[in-house]
Amino acid sequence: MDSFRVDIALPDEVVAGWAPFVVGMAVTALLVVAVWWGMRVRAGEPGPPSPESQPHLPATGAVREESEMREPDEMPHDGSVLTPHQLHAHGTRRAKLQKRPVWNTNSSGGFGSGSLGHH
């Protein structure tokens, strides 16, 4: 039996007190380095744009919404074949009549809408 023993390890009380302090100092040091690095990177970036380089309103004023009547741009029904370069960019075109359709008072009901419909 060996009755002589040397405790080389630190007692639990010392480890419990110093370990969180050392970890906290390491985290603080990492945060300080991260802030320093971020400031260094930001200093190398270009500054904010000047007011002169910002877009300005046109001389005619603000651009407003444009409303127009459209009609379908249908394919020809004469049996001819269109090649891709003959197709238009959109499926609709500007209508010849730009007057909005007027609804009759009693004709706006559809089947199942609960309205009397056109009589």
PDB file of N, CA and C in Angstrom:
ATOM      1  N   MET A   1       0.825  -1.159   0.000  1.00  0.00           N
ATOM      2  CA  MET A   1       0.000   0.000   0.000  1.00  0.00           C
ATOM      3  C   MET A   1       0.880   1.236   0.000  1.00  0.00           C
ATOM      4  N   ASP A   2       0.498   2.190  -0.877  1.00  0.00           N
ATOM      5  CA  ASP A   2       1.293   3.407  -1.016  1.00  0.00           C
ATOM      6  C   ASP A   2       0.595   4.527  -0.263  1.00  0.00           C
ATOM      7  N   SER A   3       1.144   4.955   0.833  1.00  0.00           N
ATOM      8  CA  SER A   3       0.506   5.994   1.636  1.00  0.00           C
ATOM      9  C   SER A   3       0.981   7.388   1.255  1.00  0.00           C
ATOM     10  N   PHE A   4       2.023   7.486   0.445  1.00  0.00           N
ATOM     11  CA  PHE A   4       2.531   8.788   0.047  1.00  0.00           C
ATOM     12  C   PHE A   4       1.973   9.134  -1.337  1.00  0.00           C
ATOM     13  N   ARG A   5       1.259  10.225  -1.401  1.00  0.00           N
ATOM     14  CA  ARG A   5       0.607  10.608  -2.651  1.00  0.00           C
ATOM     15  C   ARG A   5       0.815  12.096  -2.889  1.00  0.00           C
ATOM     16  N   VAL A   6       1.110  12.469  -4.102  1.00  0.00           N
ATOM     17  CA  VAL A   6       1.293  13.877  -4.448  1.00  0.00           C
ATOM     18  C   VAL A   6       0.161  14.255  -5.406  1.00  0.00           C
ATOM     19  N   ASP A   7      -0.555  15.282  -5.014  1.00  0.00           N
ATOM     20  CA  ASP A   7      -1.633  15.769  -5.888  1.00  0.00           C
ATOM     21  C   ASP A   7      -1.042  16.781  -6.861  1.00  0.00           C
ATOM     22  N   ILE A   8      -0.934  16.368  -8.110  1.00  0.00           N
ATOM     23  CA  ILE A   8      -0.406  17.274  -9.126  1.00  0.00           C
ATOM     24  C   ILE A   8      -1.555  18.043  -9.785  1.00  0.00           C
ATOM     25  N   ALA A   9      -2.706  17.441  -9.917  1.00  0.00           N
ATOM     26  CA  ALA A   9      -3.853  18.073 -10.562  1.00  0.00           C
ATOM     27  C   ALA A   9      -4.393  19.191  -9.685  1.00  0.00           C
ATOM     28  N   LEU A  10      -5.033  20.150 -10.332  1.00  0.00           N
ATOM     29  CA  LEU A  10      -5.642  21.258  -9.597  1.00  0.00           C
ATOM     30  C   LEU A  10      -6.907  20.778  -8.900  1.00  0.00           C
ATOM     31  N   PRO A  11      -7.202  21.352  -7.772  1.00  0.00           N
ATOM     32  CA  PRO A  11      -8.451  20.983  -7.103  1.00  0.00           C
ATOM     33  C   PRO A  11      -9.661  21.442  -7.920  1.00  0.00           C
ATOM     34  N   ASP A  12     -10.780  20.802  -7.735  1.00  0.00           N
ATOM     35  CA  ASP A  12     -12.002  21.117  -8.478  1.00  0.00           C
ATOM     36  C   ASP A  12     -12.468  22.541  -8.236  1.00  0.00           C
ATOM     37  N   GLU A  13     -12.245  23.079  -7.045  1.00  0.00           N
ATOM     38  CA  GLU A  13     -12.699  24.439  -6.754  1.00  0.00           C
ATOM     39  C   GLU A  13     -11.954  25.461  -7.604  1.00  0.00           C
ATOM     40  N   VAL A  14     -10.666  25.234  -7.812  1.00  0.00           N
ATOM     41  CA  VAL A  14      -9.872  26.168  -8.617  1.00  0.00           C
ATOM     42  C   VAL A  14     -10.298  26.086 -10.079  1.00  0.00           C
ATOM     43  N   VAL A  15     -10.491  24.870 -10.578  1.00  0.00           N
ATOM     44  CA  VAL A  15     -10.919  24.692 -11.966  1.00  0.00           C
ATOM     45  C   VAL A  15     -12.301  25.303 -12.168  1.00  0.00           C
ATOM     46  N   ALA A  16     -13.190  25.114 -11.227  1.00  0.00           N
ATOM     47  CA  ALA A  16     -14.547  25.651 -11.345  1.00  0.00           C
ATOM     48  C   ALA A  16     -14.539  27.172 -11.323  1.00  0.00           C
ATOM     49  N   GLY A  17     -13.573  27.799 -10.685  1.00  0.00           N
ATOM     50  CA  GLY A  17     -13.513  29.256 -10.626  1.00  0.00           C
ATOM     51  C   GLY A  17     -12.754  29.876 -11.777  1.00  0.00           C
ATOM     52  N   TRP A  18     -11.665  29.233 -12.204  1.00  0.00           N
ATOM     53  CA  TRP A  18     -10.823  29.820 -13.230  1.00  0.00           C
ATOM     54  C   TRP A  18     -11.233  29.440 -14.651  1.00  0.00           C
ATOM     55  N   ALA A  19     -11.799  28.296 -14.863  1.00  0.00           N
ATOM     56  CA  ALA A  19     -12.143  27.845 -16.221  1.00  0.00           C
ATOM     57  C   ALA A  19     -13.147  28.779 -16.901  1.00  0.00           C
ATOM     58  N   PRO A  20     -14.248  29.180 -16.258  1.00  0.00           N
ATOM     59  CA  PRO A  20     -15.158  30.121 -16.930  1.00  0.00           C
ATOM     60  C   PRO A  20     -14.499  31.473 -17.200  1.00  0.00           C
ATOM     61  N   PHE A  21     -13.598  31.894 -16.308  1.00  0.00           N
ATOM     62  CA  PHE A  21     -12.903  33.166 -16.509  1.00  0.00           C
ATOM     63  C   PHE A  21     -12.005  33.094 -17.744  1.00  0.00           C
ATOM     64  N   VAL A  22     -11.274  32.010 -17.891  1.00  0.00           N
ATOM     65  CA  VAL A  22     -10.378  31.848 -19.040  1.00  0.00           C
ATOM     66  C   VAL A  22     -11.186  31.737 -20.333  1.00  0.00           C
ATOM     67  N   VAL A  23     -12.273  30.991 -20.303  1.00  0.00           N
ATOM     68  CA  VAL A  23     -13.128  30.872 -21.492  1.00  0.00           C
ATOM     69  C   VAL A  23     -13.733  32.233 -21.835  1.00  0.00           C
ATOM     70  N   GLY A  24     -14.181  32.982 -20.847  1.00  0.00           N
ATOM     71  CA  GLY A  24     -14.739  34.316 -21.081  1.00  0.00           C
ATOM     72  C   GLY A  24     -13.714  35.267 -21.673  1.00  0.00           C
ATOM     73  N   MET A  25     -12.477  35.208 -21.191  1.00  0.00           N
ATOM     74  CA  MET A  25     -11.422  36.064 -21.741  1.00  0.00           C
ATOM     75  C   MET A  25     -11.119  35.681 -23.196  1.00  0.00           C
ATOM     76  N   ALA A  26     -11.141  34.388 -23.495  1.00  0.00           N
ATOM     77  CA  ALA A  26     -10.894  33.943 -24.869  1.00  0.00           C
ATOM     78  C   ALA A  26     -12.008  34.420 -25.806  1.00  0.00           C
ATOM     79  N   VAL A  27     -13.255  34.311 -25.364  1.00  0.00           N
ATOM     80  CA  VAL A  27     -14.386  34.779 -26.177  1.00  0.00           C
ATOM     81  C   VAL A  27     -14.296  36.289 -26.370  1.00  0.00           C
ATOM     82  N   THR A  28     -13.952  37.028 -25.316  1.00  0.00           N
ATOM     83  CA  THR A  28     -13.813  38.485 -25.412  1.00  0.00           C
ATOM     84  C   THR A  28     -12.707  38.846 -26.398  1.00  0.00           C
ATOM     85  N   ALA A  29     -11.590  38.145 -26.337  1.00  0.00           N
ATOM     86  CA  ALA A  29     -10.490  38.414 -27.261  1.00  0.00           C
ATOM     87  C   ALA A  29     -10.919  38.138 -28.700  1.00  0.00           C
ATOM     88  N   LEU A  30     -11.653  37.058 -28.923  1.00  0.00           N
ATOM     89  CA  LEU A  30     -12.139  36.756 -30.275  1.00  0.00           C
ATOM     90  C   LEU A  30     -13.094  37.834 -30.778  1.00  0.00           C
ATOM     91  N   LEU A  31     -13.963  38.340 -29.902  1.00  0.00           N
ATOM     92  CA  LEU A  31     -14.887  39.400 -30.310  1.00  0.00           C
ATOM     93  C   LEU A  31     -14.148  40.690 -30.632  1.00  0.00           C
ATOM     94  N   VAL A  32     -13.133  41.030 -29.850  1.00  0.00           N
ATOM     95  CA  VAL A  32     -12.342  42.236 -30.119  1.00  0.00           C
ATOM     96  C   VAL A  32     -11.636  42.103 -31.460  1.00  0.00           C
ATOM     97  N   VAL A  33     -11.064  40.940 -31.746  1.00  0.00           N
ATOM     98  CA  VAL A  33     -10.396  40.717 -33.029  1.00  0.00           C
ATOM     99  C   VAL A  33     -11.410  40.780 -34.170  1.00  0.00           C
ATOM    100  N   ALA A  34     -12.610  40.242 -33.982  1.00  0.00           N
ATOM    101  CA  ALA A  34     -13.636  40.278 -35.034  1.00  0.00           C
ATOM    102  C   ALA A  34     -14.069  41.708 -35.331  1.00  0.00           C
ATOM    103  N   VAL A  35     -14.237  42.537 -34.291  1.00  0.00           N
ATOM    104  CA  VAL A  35     -14.618  43.942 -34.499  1.00  0.00           C
ATOM    105  C   VAL A  35     -13.493  44.679 -35.211  1.00  0.00           C
ATOM    106  N   TRP A  36     -12.254  44.446 -34.791  1.00  0.00           N
ATOM    107  CA  TRP A  36     -11.115  45.096 -35.435  1.00  0.00           C
ATOM    108  C   TRP A  36     -11.034  44.700 -36.909  1.00  0.00           C
ATOM    109  N   TRP A  37     -11.210  43.419 -37.206  1.00  0.00           N
ATOM    110  CA  TRP A  37     -11.169  42.937 -38.588  1.00  0.00           C
ATOM    111  C   TRP A  37     -12.305  43.553 -39.414  1.00  0.00           C
ATOM    112  N   GLY A  38     -13.505  43.630 -38.831  1.00  0.00           N
ATOM    113  CA  GLY A  38     -14.634  44.231 -39.542  1.00  0.00           C
ATOM    114  C   GLY A  38     -14.410  45.702 -39.841  1.00  0.00           C
ATOM    115  N   MET A  39     -13.822  46.436 -38.897  1.00  0.00           N
ATOM    116  CA  MET A  39     -13.530  47.855 -39.131  1.00  0.00           C
ATOM    117  C   MET A  39     -12.483  48.007 -40.230  1.00  0.00           C
ATOM    118  N   ARG A  40     -11.528  47.109 -40.268  1.00  0.00           N
ATOM    119  CA  ARG A  40     -10.482  47.161 -41.286  1.00  0.00           C
ATOM    120  C   ARG A  40     -11.070  46.880 -42.671  1.00  0.00           C
ATOM    121  N   VAL A  41     -11.957  45.886 -42.760  1.00  0.00           N
ATOM    122  CA  VAL A  41     -12.591  45.560 -44.042  1.00  0.00           C
ATOM    123  C   VAL A  41     -13.484  46.705 -44.496  1.00  0.00           C
ATOM    124  N   ARG A  42     -14.241  47.282 -43.571  1.00  0.00           N
ATOM    125  CA  ARG A  42     -15.163  48.366 -43.928  1.00  0.00           C
ATOM    126  C   ARG A  42     -14.414  49.619 -44.366  1.00  0.00           C
ATOM    127  N   ALA A  43     -13.236  49.859 -43.790  1.00  0.00           N
ATOM    128  CA  ALA A  43     -12.449  51.026 -44.186  1.00  0.00           C
ATOM    129  C   ALA A  43     -11.970  50.899 -45.625  1.00  0.00           C
ATOM    130  N   GLY A  44     -11.800  49.687 -46.117  1.00  0.00           N
ATOM    131  CA  GLY A  44     -11.357  49.478 -47.490  1.00  0.00           C
ATOM    132  C   GLY A  44     -12.468  49.550 -48.517  1.00  0.00           C
ATOM    133  N   GLU A  45     -13.722  49.575 -48.089  1.00  0.00           N
ATOM    134  CA  GLU A  45     -14.853  49.628 -49.016  1.00  0.00           C
ATOM    135  C   GLU A  45     -15.081  51.061 -49.489  1.00  0.00           C
ATOM    136  N   PRO A  46     -15.685  51.223 -50.671  1.00  0.00           N
ATOM    137  CA  PRO A  46     -15.984  52.584 -51.128  1.00  0.00           C
ATOM    138  C   PRO A  46     -17.055  53.224 -50.255  1.00  0.00           C
ATOM    139  N   GLY A  47     -17.029  54.547 -50.207  1.00  0.00           N
ATOM    140  CA  GLY A  47     -17.990  55.285 -49.393  1.00  0.00           C
ATOM    141  C   GLY A  47     -19.380  55.270 -50.009  1.00  0.00           C
ATOM    142  N   PRO A  48     -20.341  55.885 -49.331  1.00  0.00           N
ATOM    143  CA  PRO A  48     -21.705  55.941 -49.877  1.00  0.00           C
ATOM    144  C   PRO A  48     -21.743  56.808 -51.132  1.00  0.00           C
ATOM    145  N   PRO A  49     -22.690  56.548 -52.025  1.00  0.00           N
ATOM    146  CA  PRO A  49     -22.760  57.335 -53.259  1.00  0.00           C
ATOM    147  C   PRO A  49     -23.170  58.776 -52.972  1.00  0.00           C
ATOM    148  N   SER A  50     -22.702  59.654 -53.823  1.00  0.00           N
ATOM    149  CA  SER A  50     -23.041  61.073 -53.655  1.00  0.00           C
ATOM    150  C   SER A  50     -24.460  61.327 -54.161  1.00  0.00           C
ATOM    151  N   PRO A  51     -25.104  62.395 -53.690  1.00  0.00           N
ATOM    152  CA  PRO A  51     -26.466  62.696 -54.170  1.00  0.00           C
ATOM    153  C   PRO A  51     -26.519  62.959 -55.677  1.00  0.00           C
ATOM    154  N   GLU A  52     -25.428  63.447 -56.260  1.00  0.00           N
ATOM    155  CA  GLU A  52     -25.421  63.724 -57.702  1.00  0.00           C
ATOM    156  C   GLU A  52     -25.475  62.440 -58.527  1.00  0.00           C
ATOM    157  N   SER A  53     -24.970  61.344 -57.973  1.00  0.00           N
ATOM    158  CA  SER A  53     -24.967  60.093 -58.733  1.00  0.00           C
ATOM    159  C   SER A  53     -26.281  59.327 -58.614  1.00  0.00           C
ATOM    160  N   GLN A  54     -27.221  59.836 -57.832  1.00  0.00           N
ATOM    161  CA  GLN A  54     -28.510  59.178 -57.662  1.00  0.00           C
ATOM    162  C   GLN A  54     -29.425  59.506 -58.845  1.00  0.00           C
ATOM    163  N   PRO A  55     -30.375  58.628 -59.165  1.00  0.00           N
ATOM    164  CA  PRO A  55     -31.300  58.920 -60.271  1.00  0.00           C
ATOM    165  C   PRO A  55     -32.202  60.110 -59.942  1.00  0.00           C
ATOM    166  N   HIS A  56     -32.540  60.874 -60.971  1.00  0.00           N
ATOM    167  CA  HIS A  56     -33.399  62.050 -60.817  1.00  0.00           C
ATOM    168  C   HIS A  56     -34.677  61.864 -61.616  1.00  0.00           C
ATOM    169  N   LEU A  57     -35.704  62.632 -61.260  1.00  0.00           N
ATOM    170  CA  LEU A  57     -36.960  62.610 -62.011  1.00  0.00           C
ATOM    171  C   LEU A  57     -36.737  63.164 -63.409  1.00  0.00           C
ATOM    172  N   PRO A  58     -37.436  62.651 -64.404  1.00  0.00           N
ATOM    173  CA  PRO A  58     -37.330  63.243 -65.734  1.00  0.00           C
ATOM    174  C   PRO A  58     -37.896  64.663 -65.738  1.00  0.00           C
ATOM    175  N   ALA A  59     -37.539  65.412 -66.769  1.00  0.00           N
ATOM    176  CA  ALA A  59     -37.986  66.806 -66.864  1.00  0.00           C
ATOM    177  C   ALA A  59     -39.508  66.896 -66.964  1.00  0.00           C
ATOM    178  N   THR A  60     -40.152  65.849 -67.480  1.00  0.00           N
ATOM    179  CA  THR A  60     -41.608  65.867 -67.632  1.00  0.00           C
ATOM    180  C   THR A  60     -42.329  65.538 -66.335  1.00  0.00           C
ATOM    181  N   GLY A  61     -41.612  65.187 -65.290  1.00  0.00           N
ATOM    182  CA  GLY A  61     -42.243  64.860 -64.008  1.00  0.00           C
ATOM    183  C   GLY A  61     -42.265  63.363 -63.776  1.00  0.00           C
ATOM    184  N   ALA A  62     -43.000  62.978 -62.757  1.00  0.00           N
ATOM    185  CA  ALA A  62     -43.067  61.568 -62.379  1.00  0.00           C
ATOM    186  C   ALA A  62     -43.789  60.754 -63.453  1.00  0.00           C
ATOM    187  N   VAL A  63     -43.368  59.521 -63.624  1.00  0.00           N
ATOM    188  CA  VAL A  63     -43.992  58.627 -64.595  1.00  0.00           C
ATOM    189  C   VAL A  63     -45.232  58.030 -63.947  1.00  0.00           C
ATOM    190  N   ARG A  64     -46.348  58.124 -64.615  1.00  0.00           N
ATOM    191  CA  ARG A  64     -47.614  57.626 -64.075  1.00  0.00           C
ATOM    192  C   ARG A  64     -47.993  56.313 -64.744  1.00  0.00           C
ATOM    193  N   GLU A  65     -48.986  55.660 -64.171  1.00  0.00           N
ATOM    194  CA  GLU A  65     -49.475  54.406 -64.732  1.00  0.00           C
ATOM    195  C   GLU A  65     -50.232  54.686 -66.022  1.00  0.00           C
ATOM    196  N   GLU A  66     -49.998  53.841 -67.009  1.00  0.00           N
ATOM    197  CA  GLU A  66     -50.682  53.987 -68.287  1.00  0.00           C
ATOM    198  C   GLU A  66     -51.703  52.870 -68.413  1.00  0.00           C
ATOM    199  N   SER A  67     -52.905  53.218 -68.808  1.00  0.00           N
ATOM    200  CA  SER A  67     -53.963  52.238 -68.952  1.00  0.00           C
ATOM    201  C   SER A  67     -54.461  52.265 -70.386  1.00  0.00           C
ATOM    202  N   GLU A  68     -54.578  51.091 -70.982  1.00  0.00           N
ATOM    203  CA  GLU A  68     -55.083  51.015 -72.346  1.00  0.00           C
ATOM    204  C   GLU A  68     -55.852  49.714 -72.511  1.00  0.00           C
ATOM    205  N   MET A  69     -56.740  49.704 -73.465  1.00  0.00           N
ATOM    206  CA  MET A  69     -57.512  48.509 -73.776  1.00  0.00           C
ATOM    207  C   MET A  69     -56.661  47.625 -74.684  1.00  0.00           C
ATOM    208  N   ARG A  70     -56.633  46.322 -74.386  1.00  0.00           N
ATOM    209  CA  ARG A  70     -55.851  45.370 -75.162  1.00  0.00           C
ATOM    210  C   ARG A  70     -56.784  44.335 -75.793  1.00  0.00           C
ATOM    211  N   GLU A  71     -56.365  43.752 -76.883  1.00  0.00           N
ATOM    212  CA  GLU A  71     -57.125  42.681 -77.513  1.00  0.00           C
ATOM    213  C   GLU A  71     -56.139  41.573 -77.894  1.00  0.00           C
ATOM    214  N   PRO A  72     -56.617  40.333 -78.009  1.00  0.00           N
ATOM    215  CA  PRO A  72     -55.697  39.238 -78.299  1.00  0.00           C
ATOM    216  C   PRO A  72     -55.068  39.364 -79.682  1.00  0.00           C
ATOM    217  N   ASP A  73     -53.813  39.041 -79.758  1.00  0.00           N
ATOM    218  CA  ASP A  73     -53.087  39.025 -81.026  1.00  0.00           C
ATOM    219  C   ASP A  73     -53.098  37.581 -81.512  1.00  0.00           C
ATOM    220  N   GLU A  74     -54.167  37.216 -82.207  1.00  0.00           N
ATOM    221  CA  GLU A  74     -54.401  35.813 -82.545  1.00  0.00           C
ATOM    222  C   GLU A  74     -53.565  35.368 -83.737  1.00  0.00           C
ATOM    223  N   MET A  75     -53.452  34.063 -83.846  1.00  0.00           N
ATOM    224  CA  MET A  75     -52.753  33.456 -84.974  1.00  0.00           C
ATOM    225  C   MET A  75     -53.666  33.534 -86.197  1.00  0.00           C
ATOM    226  N   PRO A  76     -53.100  33.576 -87.406  1.00  0.00           N
ATOM    227  CA  PRO A  76     -53.944  33.617 -88.605  1.00  0.00           C
ATOM    228  C   PRO A  76     -54.719  32.307 -88.769  1.00  0.00           C
ATOM    229  N   HIS A  77     -55.965  32.426 -89.218  1.00  0.00           N
ATOM    230  CA  HIS A  77     -56.832  31.258 -89.381  1.00  0.00           C
ATOM    231  C   HIS A  77     -56.904  30.800 -90.837  1.00  0.00           C
ATOM    232  N   ASP A  78     -56.008  31.292 -91.690  1.00  0.00           N
ATOM    233  CA  ASP A  78     -56.066  30.929 -93.105  1.00  0.00           C
ATOM    234  C   ASP A  78     -55.248  29.680 -93.426  1.00  0.00           C
ATOM    235  N   GLY A  79     -54.692  29.025 -92.422  1.00  0.00           N
ATOM    236  CA  GLY A  79     -53.938  27.793 -92.644  1.00  0.00           C
ATOM    237  C   GLY A  79     -52.461  28.025 -92.879  1.00  0.00           C
ATOM    238  N   SER A  80     -52.025  29.277 -92.935  1.00  0.00           N
ATOM    239  CA  SER A  80     -50.596  29.538 -93.153  1.00  0.00           C
ATOM    240  C   SER A  80     -49.816  29.281 -91.865  1.00  0.00           C
ATOM    241  N   VAL A  81     -48.537  29.043 -92.040  1.00  0.00           N
ATOM    242  CA  VAL A  81     -47.668  28.739 -90.909  1.00  0.00           C
ATOM    243  C   VAL A  81     -46.783  29.948 -90.637  1.00  0.00           C
ATOM    244  N   LEU A  82     -46.677  30.328 -89.365  1.00  0.00           N
ATOM    245  CA  LEU A  82     -45.798  31.428 -88.987  1.00  0.00           C
ATOM    246  C   LEU A  82     -44.466  30.874 -88.499  1.00  0.00           C
ATOM    247  N   THR A  83     -43.398  31.506 -88.904  1.00  0.00           N
ATOM    248  CA  THR A  83     -42.079  31.142 -88.388  1.00  0.00           C
ATOM    249  C   THR A  83     -41.825  31.943 -87.107  1.00  0.00           C
ATOM    250  N   PRO A  84     -40.869  31.527 -86.287  1.00  0.00           N
ATOM    251  CA  PRO A  84     -40.658  32.216 -85.014  1.00  0.00           C
ATOM    252  C   PRO A  84     -40.369  33.710 -85.145  1.00  0.00           C
ATOM    253  N   HIS A  85     -39.677  34.135 -86.202  1.00  0.00           N
ATOM    254  CA  HIS A  85     -39.381  35.566 -86.313  1.00  0.00           C
ATOM    255  C   HIS A  85     -40.604  36.380 -86.746  1.00  0.00           C
ATOM    256  N   GLN A  86     -41.683  35.721 -87.154  1.00  0.00           N
ATOM    257  CA  GLN A  86     -42.907  36.433 -87.506  1.00  0.00           C
ATOM    258  C   GLN A  86     -43.843  36.601 -86.313  1.00  0.00           C
ATOM    259  N   LEU A  87     -43.573  35.895 -85.215  1.00  0.00           N
ATOM    260  CA  LEU A  87     -44.423  36.019 -84.027  1.00  0.00           C
ATOM    261  C   LEU A  87     -44.137  37.332 -83.314  1.00  0.00           C
ATOM    262  N   HIS A  88     -45.131  37.871 -82.680  1.00  0.00           N
ATOM    263  CA  HIS A  88     -44.961  39.112 -81.928  1.00  0.00           C
ATOM    264  C   HIS A  88     -44.490  38.802 -80.514  1.00  0.00           C
ATOM    265  N   ALA A  89     -43.991  39.819 -79.851  1.00  0.00           N
ATOM    266  CA  ALA A  89     -43.413  39.627 -78.518  1.00  0.00           C
ATOM    267  C   ALA A  89     -44.475  39.326 -77.466  1.00  0.00           C
ATOM    268  N   HIS A  90     -45.665  39.866 -77.618  1.00  0.00           N
ATOM    269  CA  HIS A  90     -46.712  39.686 -76.611  1.00  0.00           C
ATOM    270  C   HIS A  90     -47.910  38.988 -77.242  1.00  0.00           C
ATOM    271  N   GLY A  91     -48.728  38.401 -76.421  1.00  0.00           N
ATOM    272  CA  GLY A  91     -49.924  37.723 -76.907  1.00  0.00           C
ATOM    273  C   GLY A  91     -51.091  38.660 -77.111  1.00  0.00           C
ATOM    274  N   THR A  92     -50.887  39.947 -76.831  1.00  0.00           N
ATOM    275  CA  THR A  92     -51.955  40.929 -77.022  1.00  0.00           C
ATOM    276  C   THR A  92     -51.397  42.125 -77.775  1.00  0.00           C
ATOM    277  N   ARG A  93     -52.308  42.934 -78.279  1.00  0.00           N
ATOM    278  CA  ARG A  93     -51.916  44.179 -78.953  1.00  0.00           C
ATOM    279  C   ARG A  93     -52.882  45.279 -78.537  1.00  0.00           C
ATOM    280  N   ARG A  94     -52.516  46.504 -78.811  1.00  0.00           N
ATOM    281  CA  ARG A  94     -53.367  47.642 -78.471  1.00  0.00           C
ATOM    282  C   ARG A  94     -54.644  47.560 -79.302  1.00  0.00           C
ATOM    283  N   ALA A  95     -55.787  47.713 -78.637  1.00  0.00           N
ATOM    284  CA  ALA A  95     -57.075  47.629 -79.331  1.00  0.00           C
ATOM    285  C   ALA A  95     -57.290  48.876 -80.180  1.00  0.00           C
ATOM    286  N   LYS A  96     -58.006  48.693 -81.288  1.00  0.00           N
ATOM    287  CA  LYS A  96     -58.313  49.844 -82.140  1.00  0.00           C
ATOM    288  C   LYS A  96     -59.253  50.799 -81.426  1.00  0.00           C
ATOM    289  N   LEU A  97     -60.260  50.240 -80.740  1.00  0.00           N
ATOM    290  CA  LEU A  97     -61.187  51.056 -79.958  1.00  0.00           C
ATOM    291  C   LEU A  97     -60.680  51.140 -78.525  1.00  0.00           C
ATOM    292  N   GLN A  98     -60.403  52.328 -78.052  1.00  0.00           N
ATOM    293  CA  GLN A  98     -59.908  52.496 -76.689  1.00  0.00           C
ATOM    294  C   GLN A  98     -61.029  52.853 -75.719  1.00  0.00           C
ATOM    295  N   LYS A  99     -62.287  52.758 -76.180  1.00  0.00           N
ATOM    296  CA  LYS A  99     -63.436  53.035 -75.318  1.00  0.00           C
ATOM    297  C   LYS A  99     -63.751  51.795 -74.496  1.00  0.00           C
ATOM    298  N   ARG A 100     -63.954  51.975 -73.214  1.00  0.00           N
ATOM    299  CA  ARG A 100     -64.254  50.843 -72.333  1.00  0.00           C
ATOM    300  C   ARG A 100     -65.657  50.327 -72.616  1.00  0.00           C
ATOM    301  N   PRO A 101     -65.885  49.018 -72.522  1.00  0.00           N
ATOM    302  CA  PRO A 101     -67.228  48.489 -72.758  1.00  0.00           C
ATOM    303  C   PRO A 101     -68.183  48.933 -71.658  1.00  0.00           C
ATOM    304  N   VAL A 102     -69.404  49.236 -72.053  1.00  0.00           N
ATOM    305  CA  VAL A 102     -70.425  49.670 -71.102  1.00  0.00           C
ATOM    306  C   VAL A 102     -71.335  48.483 -70.833  1.00  0.00           C
ATOM    307  N   TRP A 103     -71.594  48.223 -69.562  1.00  0.00           N
ATOM    308  CA  TRP A 103     -72.436  47.098 -69.183  1.00  0.00           C
ATOM    309  C   TRP A 103     -73.880  47.548 -69.067  1.00  0.00           C
ATOM    310  N   ASN A 104     -74.788  46.688 -69.508  1.00  0.00           N
ATOM    311  CA  ASN A 104     -76.206  46.958 -69.290  1.00  0.00           C
ATOM    312  C   ASN A 104     -76.522  46.693 -67.824  1.00  0.00           C
ATOM    313  N   THR A 105     -77.534  47.353 -67.315  1.00  0.00           N
ATOM    314  CA  THR A 105     -77.847  47.219 -65.889  1.00  0.00           C
ATOM    315  C   THR A 105     -78.214  45.800 -65.493  1.00  0.00           C
ATOM    316  N   ASN A 106     -78.974  45.098 -66.300  1.00  0.00           N
ATOM    317  CA  ASN A 106     -79.446  43.777 -65.904  1.00  0.00           C
ATOM    318  C   ASN A 106     -78.723  42.638 -66.624  1.00  0.00           C
ATOM    319  N   SER A 107     -77.572  42.890 -67.200  1.00  0.00           N
ATOM    320  CA  SER A 107     -76.945  41.816 -67.971  1.00  0.00           C
ATOM    321  C   SER A 107     -75.609  41.356 -67.403  1.00  0.00           C
ATOM    322  N   SER A 108     -75.275  41.758 -66.205  1.00  0.00           N
ATOM    323  CA  SER A 108     -73.953  41.390 -65.703  1.00  0.00           C
ATOM    324  C   SER A 108     -73.956  40.095 -64.911  1.00  0.00           C
ATOM    325  N   GLY A 109     -75.102  39.454 -64.745  1.00  0.00           N
ATOM    326  CA  GLY A 109     -75.139  38.214 -63.975  1.00  0.00           C
ATOM    327  C   GLY A 109     -74.744  37.028 -64.827  1.00  0.00           C
ATOM    328  N   GLY A 110     -74.007  36.133 -64.249  1.00  0.00           N
ATOM    329  CA  GLY A 110     -73.617  34.911 -64.939  1.00  0.00           C
ATOM    330  C   GLY A 110     -74.367  33.737 -64.344  1.00  0.00           C
ATOM    331  N   PHE A 111     -74.235  32.586 -64.949  1.00  0.00           N
ATOM    332  CA  PHE A 111     -74.913  31.399 -64.463  1.00  0.00           C
ATOM    333  C   PHE A 111     -74.406  31.062 -63.068  1.00  0.00           C
ATOM    334  N   GLY A 112     -75.308  30.919 -62.124  1.00  0.00           N
ATOM    335  CA  GLY A 112     -74.955  30.559 -60.758  1.00  0.00           C
ATOM    336  C   GLY A 112     -74.522  31.720 -59.894  1.00  0.00           C
ATOM    337  N   SER A 113     -74.605  32.963 -60.401  1.00  0.00           N
ATOM    338  CA  SER A 113     -74.149  34.098 -59.605  1.00  0.00           C
ATOM    339  C   SER A 113     -75.231  34.639 -58.683  1.00  0.00           C
ATOM    340  N   GLY A 114     -76.466  34.171 -58.831  1.00  0.00           N
ATOM    341  CA  GLY A 114     -77.559  34.669 -58.002  1.00  0.00           C
ATOM    342  C   GLY A 114     -78.253  35.869 -58.604  1.00  0.00           C
ATOM    343  N   SER A 115     -77.731  36.365 -59.715  1.00  0.00           N
ATOM    344  CA  SER A 115     -78.326  37.522 -60.369  1.00  0.00           C
ATOM    345  C   SER A 115     -79.401  37.051 -61.346  1.00  0.00           C
ATOM    346  N   LEU A 116     -80.319  37.946 -61.687  1.00  0.00           N
ATOM    347  CA  LEU A 116     -81.370  37.612 -62.640  1.00  0.00           C
ATOM    348  C   LEU A 116     -80.823  37.480 -64.052  1.00  0.00           C
ATOM    349  N   GLY A 117     -79.746  38.189 -64.336  1.00  0.00           N
ATOM    350  CA  GLY A 117     -79.176  38.121 -65.670  1.00  0.00           C
ATOM    351  C   GLY A 117     -79.986  38.935 -66.662  1.00  0.00           C
ATOM    352  N   HIS A 118     -79.715  38.757 -67.935  1.00  0.00           N
ATOM    353  CA  HIS A 118     -80.379  39.521 -68.988  1.00  0.00           C
ATOM    354  C   HIS A 118     -81.690  38.840 -69.375  1.00  0.00           C
ATOM    355  N   HIS A 119     -82.773  39.601 -69.386  1.00  0.00           N
ATOM    356  CA  HIS A 119     -84.082  39.055 -69.770  1.00  0.00           C
ATOM    357  C   HIS A 119     -84.570  39.706 -71.022  1.00  0.00           C
TER     358      HIS A 119
END
